Protein backbone atom coordinates (compact mmCIF):
# COMPACT_ATOMS: atom_id res chain seq x y z
CA UNK A 1 0.00 0.00 0.00
CA UNK A 2 1.27 3.47 -0.87
CA UNK A 3 1.39 5.72 2.21
CA UNK A 4 2.40 9.35 1.74
CA UNK A 5 2.22 12.69 3.50
CA UNK A 6 1.52 14.41 0.18
CA UNK A 7 -2.01 14.90 -1.13
CA UNK A 8 -1.42 12.88 -4.28
CA UNK A 9 0.69 10.12 -5.81
CA UNK A 10 2.59 11.24 -8.89
CA UNK A 11 1.28 9.58 -12.04
CA UNK A 12 -1.61 7.87 -10.20
CA UNK A 13 -4.74 10.01 -10.10
CA UNK A 14 -7.19 9.52 -7.23
CA UNK A 15 -10.41 7.99 -8.55
CA UNK A 16 -12.23 7.64 -5.23
CA UNK A 17 -11.87 9.10 -1.74
CA UNK A 18 -12.90 6.49 0.82
CA UNK A 19 -12.61 8.45 4.06
CA UNK A 20 -10.24 9.29 6.86
CA UNK A 21 -8.39 6.39 8.47
CA UNK A 22 -6.38 6.43 11.68
CA UNK A 23 -4.10 4.32 13.81
CA UNK A 24 -3.00 4.78 17.38
CA UNK A 25 -0.49 3.08 19.62
CA UNK A 26 0.15 3.72 23.28
CA UNK A 27 3.32 2.21 24.67
CA UNK A 28 4.63 2.13 28.21
CA UNK A 29 8.31 2.79 28.66
CA UNK A 30 9.64 0.57 31.42
CA UNK A 31 11.63 1.65 34.46
CA UNK A 32 14.97 0.43 33.08
CA UNK A 33 14.61 2.48 29.90
CA UNK A 34 13.70 5.51 32.02
CA UNK A 35 16.72 4.98 34.28
CA UNK A 36 19.21 4.54 31.43
CA UNK A 37 17.69 7.45 29.48
CA UNK A 38 18.10 9.69 32.53
CA UNK A 39 21.77 8.71 32.82
CA UNK A 40 22.24 9.24 29.09
CA UNK A 41 20.63 12.70 29.37
CA UNK A 42 23.19 13.66 32.02
CA UNK A 43 26.25 12.43 30.11
CA UNK A 44 24.93 13.20 26.63
CA UNK A 45 24.08 10.98 23.70
CA UNK A 46 20.96 9.39 22.34
CA UNK A 47 18.31 7.66 24.44
CA UNK A 48 18.17 4.34 22.59
CA UNK A 49 15.40 2.88 24.77
CA UNK A 50 13.06 5.75 23.99
CA UNK A 51 13.98 5.69 20.31
CA UNK A 52 13.14 1.99 20.09
CA UNK A 53 9.83 2.51 21.92
CA UNK A 54 8.87 5.39 19.61
CA UNK A 55 9.79 3.36 16.53
CA UNK A 56 7.74 0.39 17.75
CA UNK A 57 4.73 2.59 18.54
CA UNK A 58 4.96 4.38 15.18
CA UNK A 59 5.13 1.10 13.26
CA UNK A 60 2.11 -0.26 15.17
CA UNK A 61 0.09 2.91 14.51
CA UNK A 62 0.93 2.80 10.79
CA UNK A 63 -0.04 -0.89 10.63
CA UNK A 64 -3.42 -0.14 12.25
CA UNK A 65 -4.05 2.72 9.83
CA UNK A 66 -3.17 0.55 6.82
CA UNK A 67 -5.47 -2.23 8.06
CA UNK A 68 -8.32 0.29 8.30
CA UNK A 69 -7.62 1.50 4.76
CA UNK A 70 -7.50 -2.06 3.38
CA UNK A 71 -10.87 -2.79 4.96
CA UNK A 72 -12.28 0.09 2.88
CA UNK A 73 -10.72 -1.27 -0.32
CA UNK A 74 -8.05 1.43 -0.55
CA UNK A 75 -4.77 1.04 -2.35
CA UNK A 76 -3.20 4.20 -0.91
CA UNK A 77 -3.36 6.63 2.00
CA UNK A 78 -2.60 10.27 1.24
CA UNK A 79 -2.14 13.33 3.44
CA UNK A 80 -0.72 11.31 6.33
CA UNK A 81 -0.02 13.17 9.56
CA UNK A 82 1.98 11.71 12.47
CA UNK A 83 1.60 13.01 16.03
CA UNK A 84 3.50 12.08 19.20
CA UNK A 85 2.22 12.68 22.71
CA UNK A 86 3.43 11.92 26.24
CA UNK A 87 0.51 10.84 28.41
CA UNK A 88 1.40 11.93 31.91
CA UNK A 89 4.96 12.67 32.90
CA UNK A 90 4.97 10.16 35.77
CA UNK A 91 3.39 7.17 34.01
CA UNK A 92 5.79 7.18 31.03
CA UNK A 93 3.18 6.40 28.40
CA UNK A 94 3.92 7.37 24.81
CA UNK A 95 1.17 7.76 22.24
CA UNK A 96 1.67 7.86 18.50
CA UNK A 97 -1.32 8.65 16.32
CA UNK A 98 -1.42 8.71 12.53
CA UNK A 99 -4.22 9.63 10.18
CA UNK A 100 -4.74 10.19 6.50
CA UNK A 101 -7.23 9.78 3.69
CA UNK A 102 -7.83 6.34 2.21
CA UNK A 103 -8.11 6.46 -1.59
CA UNK A 104 -8.33 4.33 -4.69
CA UNK A 105 -5.89 5.20 -7.43
CA UNK A 106 -6.04 4.67 -11.16
PDB file of N, CA and C in Angstrom:
ATOM      1  N   UNK A   1       0.848  -1.178   0.000  1.00  0.00           N
ATOM      2  CA  UNK A   1       0.000   0.000   0.000  1.00  0.00           C
ATOM      3  C   UNK A   1       0.891   1.238   0.000  1.00  0.00           C
ATOM      4  N   UNK A   2       0.537   2.198  -0.828  1.00  0.00           N
ATOM      5  CA  UNK A   2       1.269   3.465  -0.867  1.00  0.00           C
ATOM      6  C   UNK A   2       0.776   4.333   0.292  1.00  0.00           C
ATOM      7  N   UNK A   3       1.702   4.847   1.080  1.00  0.00           N
ATOM      8  CA  UNK A   3       1.388   5.721   2.211  1.00  0.00           C
ATOM      9  C   UNK A   3       2.267   6.953   2.061  1.00  0.00           C
ATOM     10  N   UNK A   4       1.635   8.131   1.973  1.00  0.00           N
ATOM     11  CA  UNK A   4       2.403   9.348   1.743  1.00  0.00           C
ATOM     12  C   UNK A   4       1.814  10.540   2.489  1.00  0.00           C
ATOM     13  N   UNK A   5       2.684  11.468   2.847  1.00  0.00           N
ATOM     14  CA  UNK A   5       2.224  12.690   3.503  1.00  0.00           C
ATOM     15  C   UNK A   5       1.731  13.721   2.491  1.00  0.00           C
ATOM     16  N   UNK A   6       1.992  13.487   1.216  1.00  0.00           N
ATOM     17  CA  UNK A   6       1.519  14.409   0.178  1.00  0.00           C
ATOM     18  C   UNK A   6       0.045  14.139  -0.112  1.00  0.00           C
ATOM     19  N   UNK A   7      -0.585  15.061  -0.849  1.00  0.00           N
ATOM     20  CA  UNK A   7      -2.012  14.895  -1.129  1.00  0.00           C
ATOM     21  C   UNK A   7      -2.289  14.133  -2.418  1.00  0.00           C
ATOM     22  N   UNK A   8      -1.240  13.640  -3.054  1.00  0.00           N
ATOM     23  CA  UNK A   8      -1.420  12.875  -4.281  1.00  0.00           C
ATOM     24  C   UNK A   8      -0.231  11.943  -4.470  1.00  0.00           C
ATOM     25  N   UNK A   9      -0.382  11.033  -5.437  1.00  0.00           N
ATOM     26  CA  UNK A   9       0.687  10.117  -5.809  1.00  0.00           C
ATOM     27  C   UNK A   9       0.994  10.415  -7.274  1.00  0.00           C
ATOM     28  N   UNK A  10       2.203  10.833  -7.540  1.00  0.00           N
ATOM     29  CA  UNK A  10       2.587  11.235  -8.890  1.00  0.00           C
ATOM     30  C   UNK A  10       2.294  10.123  -9.899  1.00  0.00           C
ATOM     31  N   UNK A  11       1.585  10.514 -10.968  1.00  0.00           N
ATOM     32  CA  UNK A  11       1.279   9.575 -12.040  1.00  0.00           C
ATOM     33  C   UNK A  11       0.124   8.634 -11.748  1.00  0.00           C
ATOM     34  N   UNK A  12      -0.494   8.758 -10.593  1.00  0.00           N
ATOM     35  CA  UNK A  12      -1.607   7.872 -10.202  1.00  0.00           C
ATOM     36  C   UNK A  12      -2.756   8.728  -9.686  1.00  0.00           C
ATOM     37  N   UNK A  13      -3.641   9.161 -10.567  1.00  0.00           N
ATOM     38  CA  UNK A  13      -4.742  10.015 -10.103  1.00  0.00           C
ATOM     39  C   UNK A  13      -5.680   9.283  -9.131  1.00  0.00           C
ATOM     40  N   UNK A  14      -6.201  10.048  -8.179  1.00  0.00           N
ATOM     41  CA  UNK A  14      -7.190   9.521  -7.234  1.00  0.00           C
ATOM     42  C   UNK A  14      -8.513   9.386  -7.977  1.00  0.00           C
ATOM     43  N   UNK A  15      -9.104   8.201  -7.912  1.00  0.00           N
ATOM     44  CA  UNK A  15     -10.407   7.990  -8.553  1.00  0.00           C
ATOM     45  C   UNK A  15     -11.537   7.933  -7.539  1.00  0.00           C
ATOM     46  N   UNK A  16     -11.191   7.669  -6.258  1.00  0.00           N
ATOM     47  CA  UNK A  16     -12.226   7.644  -5.227  1.00  0.00           C
ATOM     48  C   UNK A  16     -11.608   7.916  -3.861  1.00  0.00           C
ATOM     49  N   UNK A  17     -12.249   8.831  -3.129  1.00  0.00           N
ATOM     50  CA  UNK A  17     -11.869   9.098  -1.741  1.00  0.00           C
ATOM     51  C   UNK A  17     -12.756   8.242  -0.855  1.00  0.00           C
ATOM     52  N   UNK A  18     -12.154   7.454   0.017  1.00  0.00           N
ATOM     53  CA  UNK A  18     -12.898   6.487   0.818  1.00  0.00           C
ATOM     54  C   UNK A  18     -13.105   6.917   2.263  1.00  0.00           C
ATOM     55  N   UNK A  19     -12.425   7.956   2.690  1.00  0.00           N
ATOM     56  CA  UNK A  19     -12.606   8.450   4.057  1.00  0.00           C
ATOM     57  C   UNK A  19     -11.306   8.509   4.838  1.00  0.00           C
ATOM     58  N   UNK A  20     -11.391   9.132   5.985  1.00  0.00           N
ATOM     59  CA  UNK A  20     -10.238   9.287   6.856  1.00  0.00           C
ATOM     60  C   UNK A  20     -10.019   7.984   7.624  1.00  0.00           C
ATOM     61  N   UNK A  21      -8.769   7.572   7.694  1.00  0.00           N
ATOM     62  CA  UNK A  21      -8.393   6.390   8.469  1.00  0.00           C
ATOM     63  C   UNK A  21      -7.348   6.813   9.498  1.00  0.00           C
ATOM     64  N   UNK A  22      -7.299   6.070  10.596  1.00  0.00           N
ATOM     65  CA  UNK A  22      -6.381   6.431  11.681  1.00  0.00           C
ATOM     66  C   UNK A  22      -5.808   5.176  12.323  1.00  0.00           C
ATOM     67  N   UNK A  23      -4.711   5.374  13.006  1.00  0.00           N
ATOM     68  CA  UNK A  23      -4.103   4.325  13.806  1.00  0.00           C
ATOM     69  C   UNK A  23      -3.478   4.961  15.027  1.00  0.00           C
ATOM     70  N   UNK A  24      -3.579   4.276  16.141  1.00  0.00           N
ATOM     71  CA  UNK A  24      -2.999   4.776  17.384  1.00  0.00           C
ATOM     72  C   UNK A  24      -2.244   3.655  18.076  1.00  0.00           C
ATOM     73  N   UNK A  25      -1.221   4.034  18.790  1.00  0.00           N
ATOM     74  CA  UNK A  25      -0.490   3.078  19.616  1.00  0.00           C
ATOM     75  C   UNK A  25      -0.033   3.801  20.873  1.00  0.00           C
ATOM     76  N   UNK A  26      -0.296   3.180  21.996  1.00  0.00           N
ATOM     77  CA  UNK A  26       0.150   3.716  23.281  1.00  0.00           C
ATOM     78  C   UNK A  26       1.094   2.683  23.877  1.00  0.00           C
ATOM     79  N   UNK A  27       2.290   3.115  24.168  1.00  0.00           N
ATOM     80  CA  UNK A  27       3.317   2.205  24.666  1.00  0.00           C
ATOM     81  C   UNK A  27       3.834   2.712  26.003  1.00  0.00           C
ATOM     82  N   UNK A  28       4.000   1.802  26.931  1.00  0.00           N
ATOM     83  CA  UNK A  28       4.630   2.125  28.208  1.00  0.00           C
ATOM     84  C   UNK A  28       6.132   1.975  28.073  1.00  0.00           C
ATOM     85  N   UNK A  29       6.856   2.884  28.658  1.00  0.00           N
ATOM     86  CA  UNK A  29       8.312   2.791  28.657  1.00  0.00           C
ATOM     87  C   UNK A  29       8.712   2.324  30.045  1.00  0.00           C
ATOM     88  N   UNK A  30       9.381   1.181  30.113  1.00  0.00           N
ATOM     89  CA  UNK A  30       9.638   0.574  31.417  1.00  0.00           C
ATOM     90  C   UNK A  30      10.676   1.333  32.243  1.00  0.00           C
ATOM     91  N   UNK A  31      10.771   0.971  33.493  1.00  0.00           N
ATOM     92  CA  UNK A  31      11.632   1.653  34.457  1.00  0.00           C
ATOM     93  C   UNK A  31      13.097   1.625  34.033  1.00  0.00           C
ATOM     94  N   UNK A  32      13.563   0.523  33.481  1.00  0.00           N
ATOM     95  CA  UNK A  32      14.970   0.432  33.080  1.00  0.00           C
ATOM     96  C   UNK A  32      15.291   1.404  31.950  1.00  0.00           C
ATOM     97  N   UNK A  33      14.392   1.500  30.969  1.00  0.00           N
ATOM     98  CA  UNK A  33      14.612   2.476  29.897  1.00  0.00           C
ATOM     99  C   UNK A  33      14.668   3.881  30.480  1.00  0.00           C
ATOM    100  N   UNK A  34      13.731   4.181  31.407  1.00  0.00           N
ATOM    101  CA  UNK A  34      13.699   5.506  32.024  1.00  0.00           C
ATOM    102  C   UNK A  34      15.007   5.790  32.755  1.00  0.00           C
ATOM    103  N   UNK A  35      15.494   4.816  33.520  1.00  0.00           N
ATOM    104  CA  UNK A  35      16.723   4.982  34.282  1.00  0.00           C
ATOM    105  C   UNK A  35      17.903   5.238  33.350  1.00  0.00           C
ATOM    106  N   UNK A  36      18.077   4.384  32.338  1.00  0.00           N
ATOM    107  CA  UNK A  36      19.213   4.543  31.435  1.00  0.00           C
ATOM    108  C   UNK A  36      19.092   5.801  30.588  1.00  0.00           C
ATOM    109  N   UNK A  37      17.865   6.208  30.236  1.00  0.00           N
ATOM    110  CA  UNK A  37      17.691   7.445  29.483  1.00  0.00           C
ATOM    111  C   UNK A  37      18.063   8.644  30.335  1.00  0.00           C
ATOM    112  N   UNK A  38      17.735   8.592  31.636  1.00  0.00           N
ATOM    113  CA  UNK A  38      18.098   9.694  32.530  1.00  0.00           C
ATOM    114  C   UNK A  38      19.608   9.820  32.624  1.00  0.00           C
ATOM    115  N   UNK A  39      20.304   8.692  32.770  1.00  0.00           N
ATOM    116  CA  UNK A  39      21.770   8.711  32.821  1.00  0.00           C
ATOM    117  C   UNK A  39      22.323   9.255  31.518  1.00  0.00           C
ATOM    118  N   UNK A  40      21.783   8.802  30.409  1.00  0.00           N
ATOM    119  CA  UNK A  40      22.243   9.240  29.094  1.00  0.00           C
ATOM    120  C   UNK A  40      22.028  10.748  28.932  1.00  0.00           C
ATOM    121  N   UNK A  41      20.880  11.267  29.457  1.00  0.00           N
ATOM    122  CA  UNK A  41      20.626  12.704  29.370  1.00  0.00           C
ATOM    123  C   UNK A  41      21.690  13.503  30.116  1.00  0.00           C
ATOM    124  N   UNK A  42      22.178  12.963  31.231  1.00  0.00           N
ATOM    125  CA  UNK A  42      23.191  13.661  32.023  1.00  0.00           C
ATOM    126  C   UNK A  42      24.531  13.668  31.298  1.00  0.00           C
ATOM    127  N   UNK A  43      24.933  12.534  30.745  1.00  0.00           N
ATOM    128  CA  UNK A  43      26.252  12.435  30.114  1.00  0.00           C
ATOM    129  C   UNK A  43      26.225  12.746  28.624  1.00  0.00           C
ATOM    130  N   UNK A  44      25.047  12.893  28.057  1.00  0.00           N
ATOM    131  CA  UNK A  44      24.926  13.198  26.630  1.00  0.00           C
ATOM    132  C   UNK A  44      24.729  11.939  25.818  1.00  0.00           C
ATOM    133  N   UNK A  45      24.298  12.118  24.591  1.00  0.00           N
ATOM    134  CA  UNK A  45      24.076  10.978  23.704  1.00  0.00           C
ATOM    135  C   UNK A  45      22.604  10.765  23.434  1.00  0.00           C
ATOM    136  N   UNK A  46      22.327   9.689  22.743  1.00  0.00           N
ATOM    137  CA  UNK A  46      20.957   9.387  22.341  1.00  0.00           C
ATOM    138  C   UNK A  46      20.335   8.388  23.300  1.00  0.00           C
ATOM    139  N   UNK A  47      19.044   8.550  23.548  1.00  0.00           N
ATOM    140  CA  UNK A  47      18.305   7.656  24.442  1.00  0.00           C
ATOM    141  C   UNK A  47      17.740   6.505  23.609  1.00  0.00           C
ATOM    142  N   UNK A  48      18.532   5.462  23.444  1.00  0.00           N
ATOM    143  CA  UNK A  48      18.168   4.342  22.585  1.00  0.00           C
ATOM    144  C   UNK A  48      16.890   3.647  22.992  1.00  0.00           C
ATOM    145  N   UNK A  49      16.628   3.522  24.297  1.00  0.00           N
ATOM    146  CA  UNK A  49      15.400   2.878  24.768  1.00  0.00           C
ATOM    147  C   UNK A  49      14.163   3.622  24.313  1.00  0.00           C
ATOM    148  N   UNK A  50      14.193   4.940  24.443  1.00  0.00           N
ATOM    149  CA  UNK A  50      13.064   5.747  23.994  1.00  0.00           C
ATOM    150  C   UNK A  50      12.929   5.702  22.477  1.00  0.00           C
ATOM    151  N   UNK A  51      14.033   5.747  21.774  1.00  0.00           N
ATOM    152  CA  UNK A  51      13.975   5.687  20.307  1.00  0.00           C
ATOM    153  C   UNK A  51      13.339   4.390  19.849  1.00  0.00           C
ATOM    154  N   UNK A  52      13.712   3.288  20.466  1.00  0.00           N
ATOM    155  CA  UNK A  52      13.144   1.994  20.094  1.00  0.00           C
ATOM    156  C   UNK A  52      11.644   1.954  20.404  1.00  0.00           C
ATOM    157  N   UNK A  53      11.246   2.501  21.554  1.00  0.00           N
ATOM    158  CA  UNK A  53       9.830   2.513  21.923  1.00  0.00           C
ATOM    159  C   UNK A  53       9.027   3.370  20.953  1.00  0.00           C
ATOM    160  N   UNK A  54       9.564   4.528  20.581  1.00  0.00           N
ATOM    161  CA  UNK A  54       8.874   5.388  19.613  1.00  0.00           C
ATOM    162  C   UNK A  54       8.752   4.708  18.259  1.00  0.00           C
ATOM    163  N   UNK A  55       9.814   4.063  17.825  1.00  0.00           N
ATOM    164  CA  UNK A  55       9.788   3.365  16.533  1.00  0.00           C
ATOM    165  C   UNK A  55       8.730   2.256  16.549  1.00  0.00           C
ATOM    166  N   UNK A  56       8.711   1.476  17.626  1.00  0.00           N
ATOM    167  CA  UNK A  56       7.742   0.387  17.751  1.00  0.00           C
ATOM    168  C   UNK A  56       6.307   0.923  17.741  1.00  0.00           C
ATOM    169  N   UNK A  57       6.064   1.996  18.487  1.00  0.00           N
ATOM    170  CA  UNK A  57       4.734   2.592  18.538  1.00  0.00           C
ATOM    171  C   UNK A  57       4.332   3.153  17.175  1.00  0.00           C
ATOM    172  N   UNK A  58       5.253   3.818  16.499  1.00  0.00           N
ATOM    173  CA  UNK A  58       4.962   4.383  15.177  1.00  0.00           C
ATOM    174  C   UNK A  58       4.609   3.277  14.182  1.00  0.00           C
ATOM    175  N   UNK A  59       5.390   2.203  14.177  1.00  0.00           N
ATOM    176  CA  UNK A  59       5.126   1.096  13.256  1.00  0.00           C
ATOM    177  C   UNK A  59       3.767   0.452  13.539  1.00  0.00           C
ATOM    178  N   UNK A  60       3.407   0.313  14.814  1.00  0.00           N
ATOM    179  CA  UNK A  60       2.108  -0.263  15.171  1.00  0.00           C
ATOM    180  C   UNK A  60       0.962   0.648  14.732  1.00  0.00           C
ATOM    181  N   UNK A  61       1.129   1.960  14.915  1.00  0.00           N
ATOM    182  CA  UNK A  61       0.091   2.906  14.508  1.00  0.00           C
ATOM    183  C   UNK A  61      -0.090   2.894  12.991  1.00  0.00           C
ATOM    184  N   UNK A  62       1.019   2.862  12.243  1.00  0.00           N
ATOM    185  CA  UNK A  62       0.925   2.796  10.786  1.00  0.00           C
ATOM    186  C   UNK A  62       0.250   1.502  10.338  1.00  0.00           C
ATOM    187  N   UNK A  63       0.575   0.392  10.987  1.00  0.00           N
ATOM    188  CA  UNK A  63      -0.035  -0.893  10.625  1.00  0.00           C
ATOM    189  C   UNK A  63      -1.551  -0.846  10.856  1.00  0.00           C
ATOM    190  N   UNK A  64      -1.988  -0.269  11.979  1.00  0.00           N
ATOM    191  CA  UNK A  64      -3.422  -0.144  12.246  1.00  0.00           C
ATOM    192  C   UNK A  64      -4.109   0.718  11.195  1.00  0.00           C
ATOM    193  N   UNK A  65      -3.474   1.832  10.826  1.00  0.00           N
ATOM    194  CA  UNK A  65      -4.051   2.719   9.828  1.00  0.00           C
ATOM    195  C   UNK A  65      -4.172   2.013   8.478  1.00  0.00           C
ATOM    196  N   UNK A  66      -3.134   1.276   8.090  1.00  0.00           N
ATOM    197  CA  UNK A  66      -3.169   0.554   6.817  1.00  0.00           C
ATOM    198  C   UNK A  66      -4.235  -0.537   6.829  1.00  0.00           C
ATOM    199  N   UNK A  67      -4.405  -1.222   7.951  1.00  0.00           N
ATOM    200  CA  UNK A  67      -5.470  -2.229   8.063  1.00  0.00           C
ATOM    201  C   UNK A  67      -6.841  -1.589   7.867  1.00  0.00           C
ATOM    202  N   UNK A  68      -7.038  -0.420   8.461  1.00  0.00           N
ATOM    203  CA  UNK A  68      -8.316   0.289   8.305  1.00  0.00           C
ATOM    204  C   UNK A  68      -8.543   0.671   6.843  1.00  0.00           C
ATOM    205  N   UNK A  69      -7.493   1.119   6.165  1.00  0.00           N
ATOM    206  CA  UNK A  69      -7.616   1.505   4.756  1.00  0.00           C
ATOM    207  C   UNK A  69      -7.921   0.289   3.880  1.00  0.00           C
ATOM    208  N   UNK A  70      -7.244  -0.823   4.150  1.00  0.00           N
ATOM    209  CA  UNK A  70      -7.500  -2.060   3.382  1.00  0.00           C
ATOM    210  C   UNK A  70      -8.948  -2.510   3.523  1.00  0.00           C
ATOM    211  N   UNK A  71      -9.492  -2.366   4.735  1.00  0.00           N
ATOM    212  CA  UNK A  71     -10.874  -2.792   4.960  1.00  0.00           C
ATOM    213  C   UNK A  71     -11.862  -1.951   4.158  1.00  0.00           C
ATOM    214  N   UNK A  72     -11.453  -0.765   3.727  1.00  0.00           N
ATOM    215  CA  UNK A  72     -12.283   0.090   2.882  1.00  0.00           C
ATOM    216  C   UNK A  72     -12.036  -0.153   1.393  1.00  0.00           C
ATOM    217  N   UNK A  73     -11.057  -1.002   1.079  1.00  0.00           N
ATOM    218  CA  UNK A  73     -10.722  -1.269  -0.318  1.00  0.00           C
ATOM    219  C   UNK A  73      -9.744  -0.279  -0.914  1.00  0.00           C
ATOM    220  N   UNK A  74      -9.004   0.420  -0.071  1.00  0.00           N
ATOM    221  CA  UNK A  74      -8.052   1.435  -0.548  1.00  0.00           C
ATOM    222  C   UNK A  74      -6.771   0.786  -1.046  1.00  0.00           C
ATOM    223  N   UNK A  75      -6.107   1.481  -1.951  1.00  0.00           N
ATOM    224  CA  UNK A  75      -4.768   1.042  -2.349  1.00  0.00           C
ATOM    225  C   UNK A  75      -3.716   2.088  -2.019  1.00  0.00           C
ATOM    226  N   UNK A  76      -4.143   3.174  -1.345  1.00  0.00           N
ATOM    227  CA  UNK A  76      -3.196   4.197  -0.906  1.00  0.00           C
ATOM    228  C   UNK A  76      -3.819   5.010   0.226  1.00  0.00           C
ATOM    229  N   UNK A  77      -2.936   5.661   0.979  1.00  0.00           N
ATOM    230  CA  UNK A  77      -3.355   6.628   2.000  1.00  0.00           C
ATOM    231  C   UNK A  77      -2.559   7.894   1.729  1.00  0.00           C
ATOM    232  N   UNK A  78      -3.265   8.998   1.529  1.00  0.00           N
ATOM    233  CA  UNK A  78      -2.601  10.271   1.236  1.00  0.00           C
ATOM    234  C   UNK A  78      -2.836  11.249   2.382  1.00  0.00           C
ATOM    235  N   UNK A  79      -2.001  12.291   2.424  1.00  0.00           N
ATOM    236  CA  UNK A  79      -2.141  13.331   3.438  1.00  0.00           C
ATOM    237  C   UNK A  79      -1.897  12.841   4.849  1.00  0.00           C
ATOM    238  N   UNK A  80      -0.969  11.910   5.017  1.00  0.00           N
ATOM    239  CA  UNK A  80      -0.722  11.311   6.326  1.00  0.00           C
ATOM    240  C   UNK A  80      -0.057  12.309   7.272  1.00  0.00           C
ATOM    241  N   UNK A  81      -0.561  12.327   8.499  1.00  0.00           N
ATOM    242  CA  UNK A  81      -0.015  13.173   9.560  1.00  0.00           C
ATOM    243  C   UNK A  81       0.349  12.268  10.735  1.00  0.00           C
ATOM    244  N   UNK A  82       1.506  12.505  11.328  1.00  0.00           N
ATOM    245  CA  UNK A  82       1.980  11.712  12.469  1.00  0.00           C
ATOM    246  C   UNK A  82       2.101  12.633  13.679  1.00  0.00           C
ATOM    247  N   UNK A  83       1.528  12.222  14.797  1.00  0.00           N
ATOM    248  CA  UNK A  83       1.601  13.005  16.033  1.00  0.00           C
ATOM    249  C   UNK A  83       2.131  12.139  17.161  1.00  0.00           C
ATOM    250  N   UNK A  84       2.952  12.749  18.026  1.00  0.00           N
ATOM    251  CA  UNK A  84       3.503  12.084  19.203  1.00  0.00           C
ATOM    252  C   UNK A  84       3.023  12.824  20.436  1.00  0.00           C
ATOM    253  N   UNK A  85       2.716  12.078  21.488  1.00  0.00           N
ATOM    254  CA  UNK A  85       2.223  12.684  22.712  1.00  0.00           C
ATOM    255  C   UNK A  85       2.729  11.883  23.909  1.00  0.00           C
ATOM    256  N   UNK A  86       3.104  12.569  24.983  1.00  0.00           N
ATOM    257  CA  UNK A  86       3.433  11.918  26.243  1.00  0.00           C
ATOM    258  C   UNK A  86       2.193  12.017  27.109  1.00  0.00           C
ATOM    259  N   UNK A  87       1.726  10.875  27.590  1.00  0.00           N
ATOM    260  CA  UNK A  87       0.513  10.839  28.407  1.00  0.00           C
ATOM    261  C   UNK A  87       0.910  10.757  29.872  1.00  0.00           C
ATOM    262  N   UNK A  88       1.038  11.882  30.500  1.00  0.00           N
ATOM    263  CA  UNK A  88       1.397  11.929  31.910  1.00  0.00           C
ATOM    264  C   UNK A  88       2.887  11.739  32.127  1.00  0.00           C
ATOM    265  N   UNK A  89       3.518  12.723  32.707  1.00  0.00           N
ATOM    266  CA  UNK A  89       4.964  12.674  32.896  1.00  0.00           C
ATOM    267  C   UNK A  89       5.384  11.513  33.801  1.00  0.00           C
ATOM    268  N   UNK A  90       4.592  11.208  34.826  1.00  0.00           N
ATOM    269  CA  UNK A  90       4.966  10.162  35.774  1.00  0.00           C
ATOM    270  C   UNK A  90       4.728   8.747  35.252  1.00  0.00           C
ATOM    271  N   UNK A  91       3.700   8.547  34.409  1.00  0.00           N
ATOM    272  CA  UNK A  91       3.387   7.174  34.013  1.00  0.00           C
ATOM    273  C   UNK A  91       4.182   6.700  32.801  1.00  0.00           C
ATOM    274  N   UNK A  92       4.900   7.582  32.113  1.00  0.00           N
ATOM    275  CA  UNK A  92       5.787   7.182  31.034  1.00  0.00           C
ATOM    276  C   UNK A  92       5.098   6.534  29.850  1.00  0.00           C
ATOM    277  N   UNK A  93       3.898   6.947  29.541  1.00  0.00           N
ATOM    278  CA  UNK A  93       3.182   6.402  28.399  1.00  0.00           C
ATOM    279  C   UNK A  93       3.419   7.303  27.186  1.00  0.00           C
ATOM    280  N   UNK A  94       3.721   6.656  26.059  1.00  0.00           N
ATOM    281  CA  UNK A  94       3.925   7.373  24.810  1.00  0.00           C
ATOM    282  C   UNK A  94       2.796   7.020  23.857  1.00  0.00           C
ATOM    283  N   UNK A  95       2.220   8.025  23.218  1.00  0.00           N
ATOM    284  CA  UNK A  95       1.169   7.765  22.236  1.00  0.00           C
ATOM    285  C   UNK A  95       1.619   8.286  20.882  1.00  0.00           C
ATOM    286  N   UNK A  96       1.441   7.451  19.884  1.00  0.00           N
ATOM    287  CA  UNK A  96       1.671   7.857  18.503  1.00  0.00           C
ATOM    288  C   UNK A  96       0.336   7.701  17.787  1.00  0.00           C
ATOM    289  N   UNK A  97      -0.102   8.748  17.108  1.00  0.00           N
ATOM    290  CA  UNK A  97      -1.316   8.650  16.315  1.00  0.00           C
ATOM    291  C   UNK A  97      -1.005   9.092  14.890  1.00  0.00           C
ATOM    292  N   UNK A  98      -1.578   8.380  13.952  1.00  0.00           N
ATOM    293  CA  UNK A  98      -1.415   8.710  12.529  1.00  0.00           C
ATOM    294  C   UNK A  98      -2.792   8.736  11.895  1.00  0.00           C
ATOM    295  N   UNK A  99      -2.967   9.615  10.918  1.00  0.00           N
ATOM    296  CA  UNK A  99      -4.217   9.627  10.176  1.00  0.00           C
ATOM    297  C   UNK A  99      -3.959  10.134   8.771  1.00  0.00           C
ATOM    298  N   UNK A 100      -4.840   9.777   7.889  1.00  0.00           N
ATOM    299  CA  UNK A 100      -4.744  10.188   6.497  1.00  0.00           C
ATOM    300  C   UNK A 100      -6.035   9.847   5.790  1.00  0.00           C
ATOM    301  N   UNK A 101      -6.058  10.053   4.492  1.00  0.00           N
ATOM    302  CA  UNK A 101      -7.234   9.781   3.694  1.00  0.00           C
ATOM    303  C   UNK A 101      -7.007   8.543   2.838  1.00  0.00           C
ATOM    304  N   UNK A 102      -7.881   7.562   3.012  1.00  0.00           N
ATOM    305  CA  UNK A 102      -7.830   6.336   2.214  1.00  0.00           C
ATOM    306  C   UNK A 102      -8.391   6.637   0.824  1.00  0.00           C
ATOM    307  N   UNK A 103      -7.681   6.196  -0.216  1.00  0.00           N
ATOM    308  CA  UNK A 103      -8.113   6.463  -1.589  1.00  0.00           C
ATOM    309  C   UNK A 103      -7.905   5.238  -2.470  1.00  0.00           C
ATOM    310  N   UNK A 104      -8.606   5.267  -3.597  1.00  0.00           N
ATOM    311  CA  UNK A 104      -8.335   4.329  -4.687  1.00  0.00           C
ATOM    312  C   UNK A 104      -7.665   5.127  -5.795  1.00  0.00           C
ATOM    313  N   UNK A 105      -6.638   4.542  -6.360  1.00  0.00           N
ATOM    314  CA  UNK A 105      -5.892   5.201  -7.432  1.00  0.00           C
ATOM    315  C   UNK A 105      -6.169   4.519  -8.770  1.00  0.00           C
ATOM    316  N   UNK A 106      -5.946   5.267  -9.824  1.00  0.00           N
ATOM    317  CA  UNK A 106      -6.039   4.674 -11.161  1.00  0.00           C
ATOM    318  C   UNK A 106      -4.774   3.952 -11.461  1.00  0.00           C
TER     319      UNK A 106
END
